[in-house]
Amino acid sequence: MAENKGVLVLCETKEGKLASISTELLGGGRKLASDLGEELAAVLVGSGVAGLAQEAIAYGADKVYVVDDPILKDYQTDSYLPVMEKVVGQAMPQVLIMGQTSIGRDLAPRLAFRLKTAAVLGCLELAIDPQSKKLLQTKPVYGGNAQAVFTTDSFPQIATVRPKAMTPLEPDQSRKGEVVKIEAGLDPSAIRAKVLEKVPEEVTGIKLEDAEVVVGGGRGIGNTEGFEQLEALAKLLKGAVGATRPPCDNGWMPTGAQIGLTGKIIAPELYIAVALSGSSQHMSGCSGSKTIVAINKDPEANIFREARFGVVGDWKKVVPALTEKLKELLAK
């Protein structure tokens, strides 16, 4: 029986390029493979994706498995599941990682069941145990109040990783690697669902998960007009505005702006947290921020334990004053 070796990354694509989650996973996968002393492989599944193999190699892959077929144009469980089962059967990886995306969340547990192994979803960190060489999979538990480390005895060890949890490598176009083409071999009649239309999310300005600066507001902002003040601050800093769950539930902000355990994961250079308590559920979505600045009138708010800098005061006075001071400094 063949031995499971190396790390395999499922690379998603977006607008004809590798999606950001894919380059992040390749960066993290490269370290895992190095710690194992084994190979990092990537798999590209879709239609017209063969040309992206070199991009995956540039971002750290040693080998790229390509399954390119028009029938795979749109993600469907019925098509991607047997294809990934076929790829894994050929690649025989010790570790298989996917993004904690709509694709990864759907595919990982189904594939694990097919392969008679386990999948750990929503990981914040992956590492190789120096002694056992098993994959250590760290993820939030108890609503984000704690983190647990999981290991599995079966192979491949499958995990999905949250966006921004890993850092991509600088692409090296001079890297060489092997490209292996695999036929999909699918029967169209086996695909029971059909994508009729895609409606892209309308985003004005910088996308929240891509922003280098994020201004986040909590329940204490109070209304839509309050978030307009945060918008003015964010615009000045060329950033984006996010929110905790209550403002989204109340309709002050769109649901796509929610940051946290059940929202988006961000890791900006600067996160300005305004009138939010800093609950564990929210912090699960922004703990990767390089610098957190908190503005809250409650000196005992949990956010001050997480922040590097803090201002105790009424945001209605602090934010306008900060905005005006920034305008003054930027005008110089």
Protein backbone atom coordinates (compact mmCIF):
# COMPACT_ATOMS: atom_id res chain seq x y z
CA MET A 1 0.00 0.00 0.00
CA ALA A 2 1.32 3.45 -0.96
CA GLU A 3 2.35 5.72 1.90
CA ASN A 4 0.72 9.14 2.32
CA LYS A 5 3.31 11.87 1.84
CA GLY A 6 3.47 15.62 1.42
CA VAL A 7 0.96 18.44 1.46
CA LEU A 8 -1.78 19.08 -1.09
CA VAL A 9 -3.57 22.45 -1.44
CA LEU A 10 -6.87 22.92 -3.26
CA CYS A 11 -6.44 26.20 -5.14
CA GLU A 12 -9.55 28.22 -5.90
CA THR A 13 -9.59 30.74 -8.73
CA LYS A 14 -11.20 34.12 -9.18
CA GLU A 15 -11.41 36.24 -12.32
CA GLY A 16 -8.80 34.18 -14.13
CA LYS A 17 -6.23 34.22 -11.30
CA LEU A 18 -5.53 32.33 -8.12
CA ALA A 19 -7.86 33.56 -5.38
CA SER A 20 -6.15 35.25 -2.43
CA ILE A 21 -7.10 32.34 -0.15
CA SER A 22 -5.16 30.03 -2.50
CA THR A 23 -1.92 32.02 -2.34
CA GLU A 24 -2.29 32.18 1.45
CA LEU A 25 -2.72 28.40 1.66
CA LEU A 26 0.28 27.83 -0.60
CA GLY A 27 2.37 30.01 1.73
CA GLY A 28 1.22 28.05 4.78
CA GLY A 29 1.46 24.75 2.93
CA ARG A 30 5.04 25.51 1.94
CA LYS A 31 6.05 25.72 5.61
CA LEU A 32 4.17 22.52 6.49
CA ALA A 33 5.86 20.67 3.63
CA SER A 34 9.28 21.98 4.68
CA ASP A 35 8.68 20.87 8.27
CA LEU A 36 7.79 17.40 6.97
CA GLY A 37 10.74 17.41 4.57
CA GLU A 38 8.34 16.54 1.78
CA GLU A 39 6.65 17.97 -1.34
CA LEU A 40 4.03 20.69 -1.64
CA ALA A 41 1.48 20.04 -4.37
CA ALA A 42 -1.46 22.11 -5.58
CA VAL A 43 -4.61 21.05 -7.39
CA LEU A 44 -6.49 23.22 -9.88
CA VAL A 45 -10.03 22.16 -10.72
CA GLY A 46 -12.20 24.08 -13.18
CA SER A 47 -12.55 25.19 -16.78
CA GLY A 48 -9.66 27.08 -18.39
CA VAL A 49 -7.45 26.75 -15.30
CA ALA A 50 -4.47 24.96 -16.87
CA GLY A 51 -2.70 28.27 -17.51
CA LEU A 52 -2.59 28.98 -13.76
CA ALA A 53 -0.27 26.07 -12.97
CA GLN A 54 2.85 28.23 -13.25
CA GLU A 55 1.30 30.82 -10.93
CA ALA A 56 0.80 28.11 -8.30
CA ILE A 57 4.43 27.02 -8.75
CA ALA A 58 5.58 30.64 -8.39
CA TYR A 59 3.74 30.80 -5.05
CA GLY A 60 5.49 27.72 -3.70
CA ALA A 61 4.08 24.52 -5.23
CA ASP A 62 6.49 21.79 -6.36
CA LYS A 63 3.84 19.94 -8.34
CA VAL A 64 0.44 20.97 -9.73
CA TYR A 65 -2.39 18.59 -10.53
CA VAL A 66 -4.68 20.08 -13.17
CA VAL A 67 -8.23 18.90 -13.89
CA ASP A 68 -9.45 21.18 -16.67
CA ASP A 69 -12.87 20.45 -18.16
CA PRO A 70 -15.79 22.66 -19.30
CA ILE A 71 -18.10 20.63 -17.07
CA LEU A 72 -16.17 22.00 -14.07
CA LYS A 73 -16.78 25.66 -14.93
CA ASP A 74 -18.97 26.20 -11.85
CA TYR A 75 -18.52 24.57 -8.48
CA GLN A 76 -20.94 21.72 -7.96
CA THR A 77 -20.64 19.13 -5.23
CA ASP A 78 -21.60 16.34 -7.66
CA SER A 79 -18.69 17.20 -9.97
CA TYR A 80 -15.92 18.39 -7.64
CA LEU A 81 -16.31 15.59 -5.08
CA PRO A 82 -15.49 12.67 -7.41
CA VAL A 83 -12.75 14.72 -9.10
CA MET A 84 -11.05 15.50 -5.79
CA GLU A 85 -11.42 11.88 -4.70
CA LYS A 86 -9.63 10.89 -7.91
CA VAL A 87 -6.84 13.47 -7.42
CA VAL A 88 -6.25 12.50 -3.79
CA GLY A 89 -6.16 8.85 -4.80
CA GLN A 90 -3.33 9.65 -7.20
CA ALA A 91 -1.46 12.24 -5.10
CA MET A 92 -1.75 10.34 -1.78
CA PRO A 93 -1.03 13.39 0.42
CA GLN A 94 -0.46 13.22 4.15
CA VAL A 95 -2.11 16.64 4.55
CA LEU A 96 -4.88 18.20 2.45
CA ILE A 97 -5.82 21.82 3.08
CA MET A 98 -8.62 23.94 1.65
CA GLY A 99 -9.93 27.42 2.35
CA GLN A 100 -12.75 28.00 4.83
CA THR A 101 -14.85 29.23 1.92
CA SER A 102 -18.21 28.16 0.55
CA ILE A 103 -16.34 25.53 -1.51
CA GLY A 104 -14.10 24.28 1.30
CA ARG A 105 -16.90 24.12 3.87
CA ASP A 106 -19.02 22.04 1.50
CA LEU A 107 -16.32 19.83 0.01
CA ALA A 108 -14.01 18.99 2.94
CA PRO A 109 -16.45 17.00 5.13
CA ARG A 110 -17.94 15.15 2.14
CA LEU A 111 -14.50 14.22 0.85
CA ALA A 112 -13.41 13.13 4.33
CA PHE A 113 -16.39 10.80 4.52
CA ARG A 114 -15.55 9.31 1.11
CA LEU A 115 -11.92 8.78 2.14
CA LYS A 116 -12.83 7.41 5.60
CA THR A 117 -10.86 10.10 7.38
CA ALA A 118 -11.61 13.26 9.37
CA ALA A 119 -11.81 16.96 8.54
CA VAL A 120 -11.28 19.88 10.92
CA LEU A 121 -12.99 23.03 9.66
CA GLY A 122 -12.28 26.70 10.32
CA CYS A 123 -8.67 26.43 11.49
CA LEU A 124 -6.71 29.51 12.53
CA GLU A 125 -3.33 27.80 12.51
CA LEU A 126 -1.72 24.61 11.22
CA ALA A 127 1.61 23.15 12.31
CA ILE A 128 3.52 19.89 12.22
CA ASP A 129 4.24 18.17 15.53
CA PRO A 130 8.03 17.69 15.62
CA GLN A 131 7.81 14.25 17.26
CA SER A 132 4.79 12.54 15.69
CA LYS A 133 4.83 14.52 12.42
CA LYS A 134 1.05 14.78 12.72
CA LEU A 135 -0.84 17.90 11.68
CA LEU A 136 -1.74 20.13 14.63
CA GLN A 137 -4.98 21.91 13.76
CA THR A 138 -5.93 24.91 15.91
CA LYS A 139 -9.47 26.29 15.79
CA PRO A 140 -11.85 28.32 17.99
CA VAL A 141 -14.24 26.40 20.24
CA TYR A 142 -17.01 27.33 22.71
CA GLY A 143 -18.17 30.24 20.60
CA GLY A 144 -14.65 31.58 20.21
CA ASN A 145 -13.96 31.70 23.95
CA ALA A 146 -11.11 29.22 23.65
CA GLN A 147 -8.90 27.54 21.07
CA ALA A 148 -8.39 23.79 20.77
CA VAL A 149 -5.72 21.78 18.96
CA PHE A 150 -6.91 18.71 17.06
CA THR A 151 -4.99 15.83 15.52
CA THR A 152 -6.21 12.86 13.48
CA ASP A 153 -4.77 9.37 13.08
CA SER A 154 -6.24 8.72 9.62
CA PHE A 155 -4.93 10.01 6.30
CA PRO A 156 -5.09 12.34 4.59
CA GLN A 157 -5.40 14.82 7.44
CA ILE A 158 -7.92 17.32 6.05
CA ALA A 159 -8.35 20.88 7.30
CA THR A 160 -9.96 24.08 6.10
CA VAL A 161 -8.23 27.35 6.99
CA ARG A 162 -9.79 30.75 7.50
CA PRO A 163 -8.89 33.58 5.14
CA LYS A 164 -5.99 35.76 6.33
CA ALA A 165 -4.81 33.08 8.76
CA MET A 166 -1.78 32.33 6.57
CA THR A 167 0.63 34.58 4.71
CA PRO A 168 1.42 34.12 1.01
CA LEU A 169 5.00 33.96 -0.19
CA GLU A 170 6.44 36.50 -2.59
CA PRO A 171 5.89 34.92 -6.03
CA ASP A 172 9.07 33.64 -7.69
CA GLN A 173 8.48 33.31 -11.43
CA SER A 174 11.79 31.50 -11.86
CA ARG A 175 10.63 28.48 -9.84
CA LYS A 176 10.22 25.22 -11.75
CA GLY A 177 7.71 22.50 -11.00
CA GLU A 178 5.91 19.50 -12.41
CA VAL A 179 2.43 19.75 -13.95
CA VAL A 180 0.27 16.62 -13.96
CA LYS A 181 -2.92 16.63 -16.02
CA ILE A 182 -5.79 14.42 -14.87
CA GLU A 183 -8.93 13.70 -16.86
CA ALA A 184 -12.17 14.56 -15.07
CA GLY A 185 -13.94 11.51 -16.50
CA LEU A 186 -17.35 12.80 -15.42
CA ASP A 187 -20.77 11.74 -16.66
CA PRO A 188 -22.84 14.95 -17.09
CA SER A 189 -25.99 13.09 -16.04
CA ALA A 190 -24.48 12.59 -12.57
CA ILE A 191 -24.54 16.35 -11.90
CA ARG A 192 -27.97 16.93 -10.43
CA ALA A 193 -27.87 20.72 -10.04
CA LYS A 194 -27.22 23.49 -12.53
CA VAL A 195 -26.05 27.07 -11.99
CA LEU A 196 -28.50 29.34 -13.80
CA GLU A 197 -27.17 32.74 -12.78
CA LYS A 198 -24.47 34.36 -10.64
CA VAL A 199 -25.15 37.68 -8.93
CA PRO A 200 -21.91 39.27 -7.66
CA GLU A 201 -21.99 41.13 -4.36
CA GLU A 202 -22.04 44.86 -4.97
CA VAL A 203 -19.17 46.52 -3.16
CA THR A 204 -18.34 50.20 -3.36
CA GLY A 205 -14.76 51.10 -2.58
CA ILE A 206 -12.29 48.70 -1.00
CA LYS A 207 -13.50 45.23 -0.05
CA LEU A 208 -13.55 44.72 3.71
CA GLU A 209 -11.34 41.61 3.68
CA ASP A 210 -8.77 43.30 1.40
CA ALA A 211 -8.52 46.64 3.22
CA GLU A 212 -5.27 47.65 4.93
CA VAL A 213 -7.27 49.88 7.31
CA VAL A 214 -10.65 48.92 8.78
CA VAL A 215 -12.91 51.01 11.01
CA GLY A 216 -15.29 48.74 12.89
CA GLY A 217 -18.39 49.82 14.77
CA GLY A 218 -20.46 48.09 17.43
CA ARG A 219 -23.88 48.35 19.02
CA GLY A 220 -22.80 51.58 20.71
CA ILE A 221 -22.80 53.43 17.38
CA GLY A 222 -26.58 53.46 17.68
CA ASN A 223 -27.84 54.02 14.13
CA THR A 224 -27.09 54.29 10.42
CA GLU A 225 -26.08 57.95 10.76
CA GLY A 226 -23.39 56.96 13.24
CA PHE A 227 -21.86 54.58 10.74
CA GLU A 228 -21.76 57.40 8.20
CA GLN A 229 -19.28 59.13 10.51
CA LEU A 230 -17.17 55.97 10.54
CA GLU A 231 -17.37 55.94 6.73
CA ALA A 232 -15.88 59.44 6.64
CA LEU A 233 -12.97 58.32 8.85
CA ALA A 234 -12.39 55.18 6.80
CA LYS A 235 -12.47 57.10 3.52
CA LEU A 236 -9.84 59.47 4.85
CA LEU A 237 -7.59 56.50 5.66
CA LYS A 238 -8.41 54.75 2.35
CA GLY A 239 -9.98 51.93 4.31
CA ALA A 240 -13.26 50.10 4.75
CA VAL A 241 -16.00 49.99 7.39
CA GLY A 242 -17.05 46.84 9.23
CA ALA A 243 -19.38 46.06 12.10
CA THR A 244 -20.21 43.59 14.83
CA ARG A 245 -23.33 41.46 14.53
CA PRO A 246 -25.89 43.74 16.29
CA PRO A 247 -25.54 46.66 13.80
CA CYS A 248 -26.00 44.20 10.92
CA ASP A 249 -28.99 42.55 12.60
CA ASN A 250 -30.52 46.01 13.15
CA GLY A 251 -30.03 47.00 9.53
CA TRP A 252 -27.56 49.80 10.24
CA MET A 253 -24.97 48.00 8.11
CA PRO A 254 -25.28 45.30 5.42
CA THR A 255 -24.71 41.71 6.52
CA GLY A 256 -21.62 41.58 4.29
CA ALA A 257 -19.93 44.06 6.65
CA GLN A 258 -20.08 41.76 9.67
CA ILE A 259 -16.74 40.84 11.21
CA GLY A 260 -16.47 37.87 13.52
CA LEU A 261 -17.03 34.18 14.11
CA THR A 262 -20.12 34.15 11.88
CA GLY A 263 -18.94 36.96 9.61
CA LYS A 264 -15.79 37.89 7.72
CA ILE A 265 -12.21 37.34 8.85
CA ILE A 266 -9.94 40.36 8.46
CA ALA A 267 -6.26 41.01 9.14
CA PRO A 268 -5.60 44.68 8.30
CA GLU A 269 -2.54 46.69 9.24
CA LEU A 270 -4.78 48.94 11.36
CA TYR A 271 -8.14 48.15 12.95
CA ILE A 272 -9.95 51.02 14.68
CA ALA A 273 -12.60 49.48 16.94
CA VAL A 274 -15.30 51.99 17.82
CA ALA A 275 -18.01 51.52 20.46
CA LEU A 276 -17.72 47.74 20.49
CA SER A 277 -17.13 45.59 23.53
CA GLY A 278 -14.61 43.16 22.03
CA SER A 279 -16.56 39.94 22.52
CA SER A 280 -14.75 36.70 21.73
CA GLN A 281 -17.06 36.11 18.76
CA HIS A 282 -16.06 39.42 17.21
CA MET A 283 -12.38 39.10 18.07
CA SER A 284 -12.28 35.75 16.28
CA GLY A 285 -12.73 37.76 13.09
CA CYS A 286 -10.17 40.50 13.68
CA SER A 287 -7.52 39.09 16.01
CA GLY A 288 -5.09 38.92 13.11
CA SER A 289 -5.00 42.73 12.85
CA LYS A 290 -1.47 44.08 13.14
CA THR A 291 -2.50 47.06 15.30
CA ILE A 292 -5.84 47.56 17.08
CA VAL A 293 -6.91 50.99 18.33
CA ALA A 294 -9.96 50.95 20.63
CA ILE A 295 -12.40 53.80 21.28
CA ASN A 296 -14.93 53.06 24.03
CA LYS A 297 -16.46 54.95 26.94
CA ASP A 298 -16.27 51.87 29.19
CA PRO A 299 -12.71 51.53 30.56
CA GLU A 300 -13.47 47.90 31.51
CA ALA A 301 -14.48 46.86 27.97
CA ASN A 302 -12.72 43.70 26.80
CA ILE A 303 -11.54 45.43 23.61
CA PHE A 304 -8.92 47.33 25.66
CA ARG A 305 -7.30 43.99 26.58
CA GLU A 306 -6.91 43.25 22.87
CA ALA A 307 -5.90 46.73 21.69
CA ARG A 308 -2.41 48.18 21.42
CA PHE A 309 -3.75 51.71 21.86
CA GLY A 310 -6.97 52.83 23.50
CA VAL A 311 -9.05 55.96 24.00
CA VAL A 312 -11.59 56.01 26.84
CA GLY A 313 -14.31 58.41 25.81
CA ASP A 314 -17.55 59.02 23.92
CA TRP A 315 -17.00 58.03 20.28
CA LYS A 316 -19.29 60.89 19.18
CA LYS A 317 -16.59 63.29 20.41
CA VAL A 318 -13.48 61.19 19.75
CA VAL A 319 -14.18 60.14 16.13
CA PRO A 320 -14.96 63.67 14.81
CA ALA A 321 -11.88 65.03 16.60
CA LEU A 322 -9.73 62.23 15.18
CA THR A 323 -11.14 62.80 11.69
CA GLU A 324 -10.40 66.53 11.81
CA LYS A 325 -6.88 65.98 13.13
CA LEU A 326 -6.17 63.48 10.35
CA LYS A 327 -7.43 65.93 7.75
CA GLU A 328 -5.08 68.53 9.17
CA LEU A 329 -2.10 66.15 9.15
CA LEU A 330 -2.82 64.82 5.66
CA ALA A 331 -3.12 68.35 4.28
CA LYS A 332 0.47 69.14 5.22
